[in-house]
């Protein structure tokens, strides 16, 4: 993967994904928030114990520390073992638009 955007560390940001409940018995969705490690206008990196597949398309909600919330369509573009228990670092590429930072 070629990095095309400048990434910046970000404090207090979290991301959650719309996914079906693991037991899938009542077709409910669950929301689990994960910390965002860094972000650019075209994507972000987060850490999770949950398994995501590379090229999986996801709907995500990005919660920024300034109170702004962004709902985005995205694609998981990479996965790396980060050496901490069962945690993995995942890269996400935004599909529908870029974020604009002021």
Protein backbone atom coordinates (compact mmCIF):
# COMPACT_ATOMS: atom_id res chain seq x y z
CA UNK A 1 0.00 0.00 0.00
CA UNK A 2 1.34 3.41 -0.93
CA UNK A 3 0.77 6.23 1.54
CA UNK A 4 -0.53 9.21 -0.41
CA UNK A 5 -1.78 11.46 2.40
CA UNK A 6 -0.09 12.97 5.42
CA UNK A 7 -1.27 11.15 8.50
CA UNK A 8 -1.55 12.78 11.88
CA UNK A 9 -1.86 11.31 15.33
CA UNK A 10 -5.21 12.07 16.92
CA UNK A 11 -6.20 12.00 20.58
CA UNK A 12 -9.64 11.02 21.82
CA UNK A 13 -11.08 9.92 18.47
CA UNK A 14 -13.01 6.67 18.21
CA UNK A 15 -14.54 4.67 15.41
CA UNK A 16 -17.43 2.20 15.43
CA UNK A 17 -18.81 -0.10 12.74
CA UNK A 18 -22.30 -1.30 11.87
CA UNK A 19 -22.05 -5.09 11.96
CA UNK A 20 -24.49 -7.84 12.85
CA UNK A 21 -24.45 -9.24 16.36
CA UNK A 22 -22.08 -12.24 16.64
CA UNK A 23 -24.87 -14.56 17.78
CA UNK A 24 -27.03 -13.27 14.87
CA UNK A 25 -30.14 -14.57 16.66
CA UNK A 26 -32.14 -11.36 16.59
CA UNK A 27 -30.51 -9.66 13.58
CA UNK A 28 -29.46 -6.81 15.87
CA UNK A 29 -26.43 -4.69 15.22
CA UNK A 30 -23.90 -3.97 17.93
CA UNK A 31 -21.72 -0.90 18.32
CA UNK A 32 -18.23 -1.25 19.72
CA UNK A 33 -15.95 1.79 19.72
CA UNK A 34 -12.26 1.43 18.91
CA UNK A 35 -9.47 3.98 19.38
CA UNK A 36 -8.20 5.77 16.28
CA UNK A 37 -4.40 5.82 16.09
CA UNK A 38 -3.97 8.25 13.20
CA UNK A 39 -6.02 9.86 10.49
CA UNK A 40 -5.72 11.57 7.12
CA UNK A 41 -8.30 13.10 4.83
CA UNK A 42 -8.65 9.75 3.00
CA UNK A 43 -8.59 7.18 5.79
CA UNK A 44 -7.57 6.18 9.28
CA UNK A 45 -5.83 3.51 11.34
CA UNK A 46 -7.44 1.88 14.37
CA UNK A 47 -6.69 -0.99 16.76
CA UNK A 48 -9.12 -3.80 17.61
CA UNK A 49 -9.35 -7.36 18.88
CA UNK A 50 -12.32 -7.99 16.56
CA UNK A 51 -11.46 -9.58 13.21
CA UNK A 52 -11.99 -7.58 10.04
CA UNK A 53 -11.21 -8.91 6.58
CA UNK A 54 -9.01 -7.01 4.14
CA UNK A 55 -11.21 -5.56 1.35
CA UNK A 56 -14.29 -5.81 3.62
CA UNK A 57 -16.63 -2.89 2.99
CA UNK A 58 -17.95 -1.30 6.18
CA UNK A 59 -20.18 1.51 7.38
CA UNK A 60 -18.42 3.41 10.12
CA UNK A 61 -19.08 6.26 12.50
CA UNK A 62 -16.11 8.44 13.39
CA UNK A 63 -16.33 10.30 16.69
CA UNK A 64 -13.84 13.17 16.98
CA UNK A 65 -12.81 14.69 20.30
CA UNK A 66 -14.24 18.08 19.26
CA UNK A 67 -17.73 16.53 19.19
CA UNK A 68 -18.02 16.15 15.41
CA UNK A 69 -19.44 12.86 14.16
CA UNK A 70 -18.95 11.55 10.61
CA UNK A 71 -20.83 8.61 9.04
CA UNK A 72 -18.78 7.09 6.23
CA UNK A 73 -18.58 4.14 3.87
CA UNK A 74 -15.13 2.61 3.88
CA UNK A 75 -12.97 -0.38 3.01
CA UNK A 76 -10.54 -2.25 5.25
CA UNK A 77 -7.29 -1.92 3.29
CA UNK A 78 -4.73 -3.60 5.56
CA UNK A 79 -4.25 -5.55 8.77
CA UNK A 80 -1.11 -5.78 10.91
CA UNK A 81 -0.44 -7.65 14.15
CA UNK A 82 0.61 -4.92 16.58
CA UNK A 83 2.22 -7.30 19.07
CA UNK A 84 -0.20 -6.51 21.89
CA UNK A 85 -2.23 -9.57 22.93
CA UNK A 86 -4.81 -10.25 20.22
CA UNK A 87 -4.87 -6.66 18.94
CA UNK A 88 -4.46 -5.84 15.28
CA UNK A 89 -3.99 -2.51 13.56
CA UNK A 90 -6.32 -1.95 10.62
CA UNK A 91 -6.17 0.63 7.86
CA UNK A 92 -9.40 2.05 6.51
CA UNK A 93 -9.86 3.91 3.24
CA UNK A 94 -12.89 6.22 2.97
CA UNK A 95 -14.99 5.48 -0.12
CA UNK A 96 -17.53 8.27 -0.42
CA UNK A 97 -15.61 11.44 0.44
CA UNK A 98 -12.56 12.96 2.07
CA UNK A 99 -12.54 14.51 5.52
CA UNK A 100 -11.72 18.19 5.67
CA UNK A 101 -9.77 19.36 8.71
CA UNK A 102 -9.96 22.99 9.73
